[in-house]
Amino acid sequence: MISFVILFTIILLALVEIISRREDLRHLQVRFDLDSDLVSPGETVTLRYTVSNTSIFPLLYAGFTVCLDWEYELQEDEEFRRKHVTEDFFVKRISHNFYLGPRRQYTGKVRFSVKNRGYHELGKYYLESGDFLGLKPVLRTGMMDLHIICTAASCEIPDIRALGGELGNVSVQRFIQDDPTMVLGYREYTGREPMKQISWKQTAKTGQLIVRQNDFTTDRTAEVLINIDPTSRSLMERCLSLTTSVCQLLEREKIPYAMESNGDLFSLKDGLGTSHLFFIQKRIGLSRLTGYIGFPSLIAQCLLHRKANCTYIVITPRLDDDCRAAVGRLARHIDRAPIILCAEEEFS
């Protein structure tokens, strides 16, 4: 009887071993999710990962590792680091070992921040499993296929009023509903306009979202002009921080603003709100500090479509002779003196 039990056990173990070897990692699926893909330096972001067992058989052991490069800083407590984190000079490894029942999944998360502005891809992951007896381990690796755009950090900026006067004056009373006499025309909805500005009548006629284009010449508006001069990277990084801070100030003051640059920040029409600021921060994060035309050419283009009652804010790494001449030309053709923010002066 004992011999029969032993023989039956050996046969059963052999069958389970054979089945477990056939299963390997084909029935394991990995999914990743970020709570935000646009952050500021030092801002905490959470990466969630889920490992799912789609098989009808249990997985007795699974080892899962996420690798983060040196440009990421972990924002976890000491207990989490002691249990799950190993580090070397090049990479941080966050590892989990677990059991997965049939049709079950394991979910984990890690919090981290990005050190520097730019476009960052998340690294590799490793998934390890084995047969029932642990005689034949199997390893799978892949990329997380996620990225994070880190925009420039905000910074302290001088009092705008002390530099160039008021940011425009409110000369008309605005109500909850726009005055129909202020409508100049209609244009296609871009996603940055408030919902109340949508003309449902025109939308029904055209079959696509149309917004009213109002006459805002008597309202406060601003235009941010950024001089992309890559000769000094440290000064240009400061310019990007100044741009972030100025746009956040205009958002707080509810002042519609446009952005123009002579480089890879490109241009953005008047707007206001979360979506408008998002596009600007994204372009700041993706910028490689590449200039396409000279700053005097940017000013010449700006003067071709200059706006009344608009405050122009110039952000430049330094005020050399060409920049001073271009700003002087701008000042002679607009209603009020431009506001100048110079990164070189901010550093000094």
Protein backbone atom coordinates (compact mmCIF):
# COMPACT_ATOMS: atom_id res chain seq x y z
CA MET A 1 0.00 0.00 0.00
CA ILE A 2 2.78 2.40 0.92
CA SER A 3 4.57 1.59 -2.30
CA PHE A 4 1.40 2.35 -4.24
CA VAL A 5 1.01 5.74 -2.52
CA ILE A 6 4.64 6.61 -3.23
CA LEU A 7 4.31 5.55 -6.86
CA PHE A 8 1.06 7.51 -7.25
CA THR A 9 2.68 10.59 -5.73
CA ILE A 10 5.67 10.35 -8.05
CA ILE A 11 3.41 9.99 -11.10
CA LEU A 12 1.27 12.93 -9.95
CA LEU A 13 4.34 15.12 -9.43
CA ALA A 14 5.65 14.15 -12.84
CA LEU A 15 2.36 15.11 -14.50
CA VAL A 16 2.21 18.44 -12.68
CA GLU A 17 5.85 19.08 -13.63
CA ILE A 18 5.14 18.34 -17.30
CA ILE A 19 2.07 20.59 -17.32
CA SER A 20 3.89 23.41 -15.53
CA ARG A 21 6.69 23.30 -18.11
CA ARG A 22 4.16 23.63 -20.91
CA GLU A 23 2.57 26.66 -19.26
CA ASP A 24 5.84 28.68 -18.87
CA LEU A 25 5.10 32.45 -19.34
CA ARG A 26 2.59 32.34 -22.16
CA HIS A 27 -0.32 32.86 -19.80
CA LEU A 28 1.21 35.79 -17.93
CA GLN A 29 0.23 39.28 -19.06
CA VAL A 30 1.83 42.50 -17.80
CA ARG A 31 0.16 45.94 -17.84
CA PHE A 32 1.57 49.32 -16.80
CA ASP A 33 -0.13 52.61 -16.00
CA LEU A 34 1.11 56.09 -15.03
CA ASP A 35 -1.08 58.55 -13.15
CA SER A 36 0.50 61.43 -15.10
CA ASP A 37 2.85 61.71 -18.07
CA LEU A 38 3.55 65.45 -17.66
CA VAL A 39 5.31 66.46 -14.44
CA SER A 40 7.63 69.08 -12.99
CA PRO A 41 11.08 68.25 -11.58
CA GLY A 42 10.65 66.66 -8.17
CA GLU A 43 6.90 66.07 -8.59
CA THR A 44 5.84 62.60 -7.47
CA VAL A 45 4.36 60.27 -10.09
CA THR A 46 2.97 56.77 -9.47
CA LEU A 47 3.66 53.77 -11.71
CA ARG A 48 1.21 50.88 -11.31
CA TYR A 49 1.90 47.43 -12.72
CA THR A 50 -0.36 44.39 -12.94
CA VAL A 51 0.69 40.80 -13.64
CA SER A 52 -2.25 38.56 -14.65
CA ASN A 53 -2.38 34.76 -14.79
CA THR A 54 -4.87 33.80 -17.51
CA SER A 55 -4.29 30.06 -17.09
CA ILE A 56 -6.57 27.59 -15.29
CA PHE A 57 -3.50 26.38 -13.38
CA PRO A 58 -1.89 28.21 -10.46
CA LEU A 59 1.53 29.77 -10.72
CA LEU A 60 3.42 28.80 -7.61
CA TYR A 61 6.19 31.33 -8.07
CA ALA A 62 6.62 34.52 -10.07
CA GLY A 63 9.36 37.12 -9.80
CA PHE A 64 8.69 40.57 -11.25
CA THR A 65 11.25 43.38 -11.49
CA VAL A 66 10.92 46.97 -12.74
CA CYS A 67 14.10 48.88 -13.64
CA LEU A 68 14.37 52.66 -13.33
CA ASP A 69 17.38 54.64 -14.52
CA TRP A 70 19.43 57.13 -12.48
CA GLU A 71 17.32 60.05 -13.75
CA TYR A 72 14.44 58.88 -11.52
CA GLU A 73 14.38 59.41 -7.76
CA LEU A 74 12.38 56.95 -5.64
CA GLN A 75 9.80 58.49 -3.30
CA GLU A 76 9.18 55.46 -1.09
CA ASP A 77 9.77 54.90 2.62
CA GLU A 78 12.58 52.86 4.14
CA GLU A 79 10.45 49.76 4.67
CA PHE A 80 9.51 49.60 0.98
CA ARG A 81 13.15 50.11 -0.03
CA ARG A 82 14.34 47.37 2.31
CA LYS A 83 11.81 44.85 0.99
CA HIS A 84 11.75 45.61 -2.73
CA VAL A 85 14.61 47.87 -3.88
CA THR A 86 18.18 47.13 -4.92
CA GLU A 87 20.36 49.88 -6.40
CA ASP A 88 23.66 50.21 -8.18
CA PHE A 89 25.39 53.05 -10.00
CA PHE A 90 23.28 52.66 -13.16
CA VAL A 91 19.80 51.45 -12.22
CA LYS A 92 17.24 50.98 -9.45
CA ARG A 93 15.45 47.61 -9.37
CA ILE A 94 12.03 47.23 -7.74
CA SER A 95 11.31 43.51 -7.28
CA HIS A 96 8.29 41.50 -6.12
CA ASN A 97 7.91 37.74 -5.59
CA PHE A 98 4.42 36.29 -5.38
CA TYR A 99 2.07 33.38 -5.98
CA LEU A 100 -0.69 33.63 -8.58
CA GLY A 101 -3.78 31.47 -8.48
CA PRO A 102 -5.68 30.58 -11.66
CA ARG A 103 -7.34 33.61 -13.28
CA ARG A 104 -5.81 35.89 -10.67
CA GLN A 105 -3.60 38.99 -10.84
CA TYR A 106 -1.02 40.79 -8.77
CA THR A 107 -0.92 44.61 -8.64
CA GLY A 108 1.91 46.72 -7.29
CA LYS A 109 3.03 50.33 -7.47
CA VAL A 110 6.07 52.50 -6.98
CA ARG A 111 6.29 56.26 -6.53
CA PHE A 112 9.14 58.28 -7.97
CA SER A 113 10.05 61.70 -9.33
CA VAL A 114 12.02 62.94 -12.33
CA LYS A 115 15.17 64.95 -11.72
CA ASN A 116 15.65 66.84 -14.98
CA ARG A 117 13.56 68.49 -17.68
CA GLY A 118 13.08 66.53 -20.87
CA TYR A 119 11.56 63.45 -22.48
CA HIS A 120 12.13 60.29 -20.43
CA GLU A 121 11.28 56.71 -21.36
CA LEU A 122 10.73 54.19 -18.61
CA GLY A 123 13.08 51.23 -18.65
CA LYS A 124 12.86 47.46 -18.80
CA TYR A 125 10.92 44.93 -16.79
CA TYR A 126 11.81 41.31 -16.03
CA LEU A 127 9.32 38.51 -15.40
CA GLU A 128 10.63 35.24 -14.03
CA SER A 129 8.83 31.98 -13.38
CA GLY A 130 9.60 28.28 -13.44
CA ASP A 131 8.25 24.78 -13.45
CA PHE A 132 6.55 23.15 -10.47
CA LEU A 133 9.76 21.69 -9.03
CA GLY A 134 11.89 24.72 -9.82
CA LEU A 135 14.16 22.81 -12.17
CA LYS A 136 13.68 24.96 -15.28
CA PRO A 137 13.37 28.71 -14.61
CA VAL A 138 12.04 30.90 -17.42
CA LEU A 139 12.82 34.60 -17.86
CA ARG A 140 11.07 37.18 -20.02
CA THR A 141 12.10 40.80 -20.49
CA GLY A 142 10.53 43.77 -22.25
CA MET A 143 10.16 47.53 -22.29
CA MET A 144 7.41 49.27 -20.35
CA ASP A 145 6.55 51.41 -23.42
CA LEU A 146 5.73 54.43 -21.28
CA HIS A 147 7.26 57.90 -21.25
CA ILE A 148 7.20 60.98 -19.05
CA ILE A 149 7.63 64.58 -20.16
CA CYS A 150 9.23 66.70 -17.45
CA THR A 151 8.59 70.41 -17.94
CA ALA A 152 10.67 73.22 -16.47
CA ALA A 153 10.29 74.02 -12.81
CA SER A 154 8.64 77.30 -11.90
CA CYS A 155 10.72 80.02 -10.30
CA GLU A 156 10.35 83.36 -8.59
CA ILE A 157 9.68 86.23 -10.98
CA PRO A 158 9.87 89.98 -10.35
CA ASP A 159 6.78 92.10 -9.91
CA ILE A 160 5.36 92.50 -13.41
CA ARG A 161 3.93 95.91 -12.58
CA ALA A 162 7.33 97.18 -11.50
CA LEU A 163 8.85 96.13 -14.82
CA GLY A 164 6.34 97.29 -17.34
CA GLY A 165 3.13 98.62 -15.88
CA GLU A 166 -0.24 96.91 -15.60
CA LEU A 167 -1.12 93.76 -17.52
CA GLY A 168 -3.75 95.71 -19.42
CA ASN A 169 -6.93 97.34 -18.10
CA VAL A 170 -10.45 95.96 -17.94
CA SER A 171 -12.48 98.55 -19.84
CA VAL A 172 -15.69 96.59 -20.38
CA GLN A 173 -17.99 94.76 -17.99
CA ARG A 174 -18.09 91.02 -18.77
CA PHE A 175 -21.11 88.95 -17.82
CA ILE A 176 -21.74 85.21 -17.54
CA GLN A 177 -23.11 85.24 -21.10
CA ASP A 178 -21.05 87.03 -23.77
CA ASP A 179 -22.49 90.10 -25.42
CA PRO A 180 -23.76 89.02 -28.89
CA THR A 181 -22.60 92.34 -30.33
CA MET A 182 -19.00 91.35 -29.57
CA VAL A 183 -19.07 88.33 -31.92
CA LEU A 184 -16.73 88.89 -34.87
CA GLY A 185 -17.16 85.49 -36.48
CA TYR A 186 -16.82 81.77 -35.97
CA ARG A 187 -14.00 79.24 -36.12
CA GLU A 188 -13.37 75.57 -35.44
CA TYR A 189 -13.17 74.38 -31.83
CA THR A 190 -9.57 73.59 -30.79
CA GLY A 191 -10.21 72.15 -27.32
CA ARG A 192 -8.83 75.16 -25.45
CA GLU A 193 -11.95 77.35 -25.50
CA PRO A 194 -14.54 77.26 -22.67
CA MET A 195 -17.66 75.22 -23.42
CA LYS A 196 -19.91 78.27 -23.15
CA GLN A 197 -18.17 79.72 -26.20
CA ILE A 198 -19.42 76.90 -28.46
CA SER A 199 -22.10 77.98 -30.94
CA TRP A 200 -24.48 75.04 -31.08
CA LYS A 201 -26.39 76.55 -33.97
CA GLN A 202 -23.27 76.77 -36.14
CA THR A 203 -22.19 73.34 -34.92
CA ALA A 204 -25.47 71.84 -36.12
CA LYS A 205 -25.05 73.47 -39.53
CA THR A 206 -21.48 72.33 -40.14
CA GLY A 207 -21.45 69.01 -38.36
CA GLN A 208 -18.36 69.89 -36.30
CA LEU A 209 -17.80 71.92 -33.14
CA ILE A 210 -17.69 75.67 -33.87
CA VAL A 211 -16.93 78.44 -31.38
CA ARG A 212 -17.72 82.13 -31.43
CA GLN A 213 -14.79 84.46 -32.08
CA ASN A 214 -15.41 87.47 -29.90
CA ASP A 215 -13.98 90.95 -30.03
CA PHE A 216 -11.62 90.98 -27.09
CA THR A 217 -9.75 94.12 -28.10
CA THR A 218 -11.02 95.90 -25.01
CA ASP A 219 -10.02 93.09 -22.64
CA ARG A 220 -6.68 92.28 -21.12
CA THR A 221 -4.49 90.05 -23.27
CA ALA A 222 -0.82 89.14 -23.18
CA GLU A 223 1.74 87.70 -25.56
CA VAL A 224 4.81 85.87 -24.30
CA LEU A 225 7.83 86.14 -26.62
CA ILE A 226 10.67 83.68 -25.92
CA ASN A 227 14.11 84.17 -27.40
CA ILE A 228 15.65 80.72 -28.02
CA ASP A 229 19.42 81.26 -27.91
CA PRO A 230 21.20 77.92 -27.28
CA THR A 231 24.65 79.47 -26.74
CA SER A 232 24.20 79.15 -22.96
CA ARG A 233 22.22 76.10 -21.83
CA SER A 234 22.03 77.22 -18.19
CA LEU A 235 20.55 80.60 -19.16
CA MET A 236 18.07 78.95 -21.55
CA GLU A 237 16.93 76.53 -18.85
CA ARG A 238 16.31 79.59 -16.69
CA CYS A 239 14.30 81.11 -19.55
CA LEU A 240 12.09 78.04 -19.69
CA SER A 241 11.49 78.29 -15.94
CA LEU A 242 10.59 81.96 -16.36
CA THR A 243 8.17 81.01 -19.16
CA THR A 244 6.47 78.45 -16.92
CA SER A 245 6.13 80.97 -14.08
CA VAL A 246 4.80 83.75 -16.34
CA CYS A 247 2.17 81.47 -17.89
CA GLN A 248 1.07 80.29 -14.43
CA LEU A 249 0.76 83.93 -13.34
CA LEU A 250 -1.40 84.76 -16.37
CA GLU A 251 -3.56 81.73 -15.61
CA ARG A 252 -4.09 82.92 -12.04
CA GLU A 253 -4.96 86.41 -13.27
CA LYS A 254 -7.38 84.94 -15.89
CA ILE A 255 -5.62 86.85 -18.67
CA PRO A 256 -5.76 85.19 -22.14
CA TYR A 257 -2.26 84.85 -23.54
CA ALA A 258 -0.43 83.68 -26.64
CA MET A 259 3.12 82.36 -26.97
CA GLU A 260 5.63 82.92 -29.75
CA SER A 261 9.24 81.82 -30.05
CA ASN A 262 12.02 81.76 -32.58
CA GLY A 263 12.78 78.09 -31.87
CA ASP A 264 11.29 74.71 -31.07
CA LEU A 265 8.73 76.10 -28.60
CA PHE A 266 6.97 77.29 -31.77
CA SER A 267 3.83 79.45 -31.36
CA LEU A 268 0.43 79.09 -29.76
CA LYS A 269 -2.61 81.31 -30.26
CA ASP A 270 -4.51 83.13 -27.52
CA GLY A 271 -5.98 80.83 -24.94
CA LEU A 272 -6.59 80.25 -21.27
CA GLY A 273 -7.17 77.26 -19.04
CA THR A 274 -5.74 73.87 -18.18
CA SER A 275 -5.49 72.59 -21.76
CA HIS A 276 -3.76 75.75 -22.97
CA LEU A 277 -1.17 75.60 -20.18
CA PHE A 278 -0.74 71.85 -20.75
CA PHE A 279 0.32 72.37 -24.38
CA ILE A 280 2.84 75.02 -23.36
CA GLN A 281 4.32 72.92 -20.55
CA LYS A 282 4.55 69.93 -22.89
CA ARG A 283 6.45 71.95 -25.48
CA ILE A 284 8.76 73.27 -22.78
CA GLY A 285 9.48 69.72 -21.65
CA LEU A 286 10.16 68.51 -25.20
CA SER A 287 12.31 71.49 -26.19
CA ARG A 288 15.87 70.74 -27.23
CA LEU A 289 16.69 74.46 -27.11
CA THR A 290 16.89 74.69 -30.89
CA GLY A 291 16.61 78.13 -32.49
CA TYR A 292 15.34 78.47 -36.06
CA ILE A 293 15.42 82.21 -36.74
CA GLY A 294 17.00 85.25 -35.11
CA PHE A 295 15.18 87.18 -32.42
CA PRO A 296 14.86 90.32 -34.63
CA SER A 297 13.02 88.17 -37.20
CA LEU A 298 10.62 86.99 -34.49
CA ILE A 299 9.88 90.61 -33.52
CA ALA A 300 9.30 91.49 -37.19
CA GLN A 301 6.77 88.66 -37.50
CA CYS A 302 5.11 89.73 -34.26
CA LEU A 303 4.68 93.31 -35.48
CA LEU A 304 2.88 92.11 -38.62
CA HIS A 305 -0.08 91.01 -36.48
CA ARG A 306 0.34 93.14 -33.38
CA LYS A 307 -2.72 93.51 -31.16
CA ALA A 308 -4.18 96.52 -29.44
CA ASN A 309 -4.33 96.66 -25.65
CA CYS A 310 -1.94 93.71 -25.40
CA THR A 311 0.93 93.37 -22.94
CA TYR A 312 4.06 91.90 -24.51
CA ILE A 313 6.35 89.92 -22.20
CA VAL A 314 9.83 89.26 -23.58
CA ILE A 315 11.87 86.41 -22.06
CA THR A 316 15.48 86.26 -23.18
CA PRO A 317 18.70 84.65 -21.91
CA ARG A 318 20.67 87.89 -22.30
CA LEU A 319 20.20 91.45 -23.56
CA ASP A 320 22.85 91.88 -26.25
CA ASP A 321 22.83 94.69 -28.82
CA ASP A 322 20.66 92.83 -31.35
CA CYS A 323 18.12 91.92 -28.68
CA ARG A 324 17.98 95.49 -27.35
CA ALA A 325 17.44 96.86 -30.84
CA ALA A 326 14.64 94.35 -31.53
CA VAL A 327 12.90 95.12 -28.23
CA GLY A 328 13.22 98.85 -28.94
CA ARG A 329 11.56 98.37 -32.31
CA LEU A 330 8.74 96.46 -30.64
CA ALA A 331 8.29 99.19 -28.01
CA ARG A 332 7.88 101.88 -30.68
CA HIS A 333 4.92 100.11 -32.30
CA ILE A 334 2.82 98.92 -29.33
CA ASP A 335 0.58 100.67 -26.83
CA ARG A 336 2.64 100.12 -23.67
CA ALA A 337 6.25 99.32 -22.90
CA PRO A 338 7.08 95.60 -23.14
CA ILE A 339 7.96 93.67 -20.01
CA ILE A 340 11.47 92.22 -20.22
CA LEU A 341 12.66 89.23 -18.19
CA CYS A 342 16.36 88.52 -18.70
CA ALA A 343 17.76 85.23 -17.37
CA GLU A 344 21.28 86.64 -17.14
CA GLU A 345 20.10 89.41 -14.82
CA GLU A 346 18.11 86.90 -12.76
CA PHE A 347 21.25 84.83 -12.19
CA SER A 348 23.39 87.82 -11.23
